[in-house]
C-alpha atoms as a PDB file:
ATOM      1  CA  MET A   1       0.000   0.000   0.000  1.00  0.00           C
ATOM      2  CA  ASN A   2       2.912   2.328   0.730  1.00  0.00           C
ATOM      3  CA  GLN A   3       4.252   1.784  -2.801  1.00  0.00           C
ATOM      4  CA  ASN A   4       0.863   2.779  -4.224  1.00  0.00           C
ATOM      5  CA  HIS A   5       0.835   6.083  -2.287  1.00  0.00           C
ATOM      6  CA  GLU A   6       4.403   6.845  -3.345  1.00  0.00           C
ATOM      7  CA  SER A   7       3.630   6.243  -7.008  1.00  0.00           C
ATOM      8  CA  LYS A   8       0.497   8.438  -6.819  1.00  0.00           C
ATOM      9  CA  LEU A   9       2.490  11.162  -5.091  1.00  0.00           C
ATOM     10  CA  ARG A  10       5.262  10.905  -7.685  1.00  0.00           C
ATOM     11  CA  GLU A  11       2.738  11.119 -10.554  1.00  0.00           C
ATOM     12  CA  THR A  12       1.035  14.120  -8.969  1.00  0.00           C
ATOM     13  CA  VAL A  13       4.310  15.957  -8.412  1.00  0.00           C
ATOM     14  CA  GLU A  14       5.497  15.213 -11.953  1.00  0.00           C
ATOM     15  CA  LYS A  15       2.180  16.396 -13.386  1.00  0.00           C
ATOM     16  CA  GLN A  16       2.354  19.635 -11.398  1.00  0.00           C
ATOM     17  CA  ALA A  17       5.977  20.181 -12.457  1.00  0.00           C
ATOM     18  CA  ARG A  18       5.005  19.771 -16.131  1.00  0.00           C
ATOM     19  CA  ARG A  19       2.140  22.221 -15.671  1.00  0.00           C
ATOM     20  CA  MET A  20       4.452  24.747 -14.013  1.00  0.00           C
ATOM     21  CA  LYS A  21       7.002  24.457 -16.829  1.00  0.00           C
ATOM     22  CA  GLN A  22       4.242  24.870 -19.422  1.00  0.00           C
ATOM     23  CA  ALA A  23       2.881  27.918 -17.597  1.00  0.00           C
ATOM     24  CA  GLU A  24       6.375  29.431 -17.527  1.00  0.00           C
ATOM     25  CA  ARG A  25       6.724  28.929 -21.283  1.00  0.00           C
ATOM     26  CA  ASP A  26       3.244  30.369 -21.945  1.00  0.00           C
ATOM     27  CA  ARG A  27       3.721  33.389 -19.676  1.00  0.00           C
ATOM     28  CA  PRO A  28       2.547  36.489 -21.542  1.00  0.00           C
ATOM     29  CA  THR A  29       5.149  39.066 -22.459  1.00  0.00           C
ATOM     30  CA  LEU A  30       4.910  42.767 -21.711  1.00  0.00           C
ATOM     31  CA  ILE A  31       3.802  43.459 -25.283  1.00  0.00           C
ATOM     32  CA  ALA A  32       1.024  40.851 -25.043  1.00  0.00           C
ATOM     33  CA  GLN A  33      -0.201  42.277 -21.739  1.00  0.00           C
ATOM     34  CA  THR A  34      -0.159  45.806 -23.167  1.00  0.00           C
ATOM     35  CA  ILE A  35      -2.180  44.719 -26.190  1.00  0.00           C
ATOM     36  CA  TYR A  36      -4.665  42.919 -23.936  1.00  0.00           C
ATOM     37  CA  LEU A  37      -5.150  45.998 -21.751  1.00  0.00           C
ATOM     38  CA  GLY A  38      -5.533  48.162 -24.841  1.00  0.00           C
ATOM     39  CA  THR A  39      -8.201  45.821 -26.151  1.00  0.00           C
ATOM     40  CA  LEU A  40     -10.031  45.999 -22.827  1.00  0.00           C
ATOM     41  CA  GLY A  41      -9.911  49.789 -23.002  1.00  0.00           C
ATOM     42  CA  LEU A  42     -11.254  49.859 -26.545  1.00  0.00           C
ATOM     43  CA  VAL A  43     -14.149  47.496 -25.896  1.00  0.00           C
ATOM     44  CA  PHE A  44     -15.170  49.723 -22.985  1.00  0.00           C
ATOM     45  CA  VAL A  45     -14.627  53.171 -24.516  1.00  0.00           C
ATOM     46  CA  LEU A  46     -15.975  52.622 -28.039  1.00  0.00           C
ATOM     47  CA  PRO A  47     -19.625  52.021 -27.010  1.00  0.00           C
ATOM     48  CA  VAL A  48     -19.515  55.100 -24.751  1.00  0.00           C
ATOM     49  CA  VAL A  49     -18.143  57.326 -27.511  1.00  0.00           C
ATOM     50  CA  ALA A  50     -20.553  55.873 -30.074  1.00  0.00           C
ATOM     51  CA  GLY A  51     -23.467  56.505 -27.709  1.00  0.00           C
ATOM     52  CA  ALA A  52     -22.330  60.081 -27.113  1.00  0.00           C
ATOM     53  CA  TYR A  53     -22.059  60.843 -30.820  1.00  0.00           C
ATOM     54  CA  LEU A  54     -25.337  59.160 -31.697  1.00  0.00           C
ATOM     55  CA  GLY A  55     -27.143  60.885 -28.824  1.00  0.00           C
ATOM     56  CA  HIS A  56     -25.690  64.260 -29.796  1.00  0.00           C
ATOM     57  CA  TRP A  57     -26.823  63.745 -33.383  1.00  0.00           C
ATOM     58  CA  ILE A  58     -30.359  62.752 -32.302  1.00  0.00           C
ATOM     59  CA  ASP A  59     -30.550  65.740 -29.936  1.00  0.00           C
ATOM     60  CA  GLY A  60     -29.426  67.981 -32.789  1.00  0.00           C
ATOM     61  CA  GLN A  61     -32.322  66.761 -34.925  1.00  0.00           C
ATOM     62  CA  SER A  62     -34.908  67.876 -32.367  1.00  0.00           C
ATOM     63  CA  GLN A  63     -36.182  71.409 -31.751  1.00  0.00           C
ATOM     64  CA  GLY A  64     -34.671  73.386 -28.866  1.00  0.00           C
ATOM     65  CA  TYR A  65     -31.894  72.538 -26.454  1.00  0.00           C
ATOM     66  CA  SER A  66     -31.874  68.939 -25.270  1.00  0.00           C
ATOM     67  CA  THR A  67     -29.326  66.521 -23.885  1.00  0.00           C
ATOM     68  CA  ARG A  68     -31.760  63.745 -23.074  1.00  0.00           C
ATOM     69  CA  TRP A  69     -30.618  61.374 -25.835  1.00  0.00           C
ATOM     70  CA  THR A  70     -26.959  62.170 -25.344  1.00  0.00           C
ATOM     71  CA  LEU A  71     -27.014  61.340 -21.636  1.00  0.00           C
ATOM     72  CA  SER A  72     -29.224  58.298 -22.139  1.00  0.00           C
ATOM     73  CA  LEU A  73     -27.013  56.820 -24.834  1.00  0.00           C
ATOM     74  CA  ILE A  74     -23.837  57.561 -22.874  1.00  0.00           C
ATOM     75  CA  PHE A  75     -25.334  55.535 -20.010  1.00  0.00           C
ATOM     76  CA  VAL A  76     -26.291  52.727 -22.417  1.00  0.00           C
ATOM     77  CA  GLY A  77     -22.726  52.837 -23.783  1.00  0.00           C
ATOM     78  CA  LEU A  78     -21.344  52.483 -20.248  1.00  0.00           C
ATOM     79  CA  VAL A  79     -23.504  49.423 -19.633  1.00  0.00           C
ATOM     80  CA  VAL A  80     -22.611  47.847 -22.982  1.00  0.00           C
ATOM     81  CA  GLY A  81     -18.904  48.608 -22.454  1.00  0.00           C
ATOM     82  CA  ALA A  82     -18.949  47.080 -18.973  1.00  0.00           C
ATOM     83  CA  MET A  83     -20.638  43.958 -20.341  1.00  0.00           C
ATOM     84  CA  ASN A  84     -18.032  43.735 -23.117  1.00  0.00           C
ATOM     85  CA  VAL A  85     -15.197  43.908 -20.586  1.00  0.00           C
ATOM     86  CA  TYR A  86     -16.892  41.319 -18.372  1.00  0.00           C
ATOM     87  CA  PHE A  87     -17.352  38.867 -21.238  1.00  0.00           C
ATOM     88  CA  LEU A  88     -13.811  39.427 -22.497  1.00  0.00           C
ATOM     89  CA  LEU A  89     -12.343  38.819 -19.032  1.00  0.00           C
ATOM     90  CA  ARG A  90     -14.501  35.730 -18.566  1.00  0.00           C
ATOM     91  CA  GLU A  91     -12.867  34.052 -21.574  1.00  0.00           C
END
């Protein structure tokens, strides 16, 4: 029974050592991390900016001074951007 425990322990340690070596080889570089953070920033900011421009254009089409659509679509852009970041991080 002692031999069985030793062989299981040896297999477990070897498996973990292989996983650690693989993780060391696959470690992202500074460039890869920078690109990833830039992508996160873009998927958050683009819906906000698009909502602001679209809302400003819709408000410009109406009579008088209004910021209702601009503020509403900025808020929608924030929600969509946050969901984009969440789904990207979940992968």
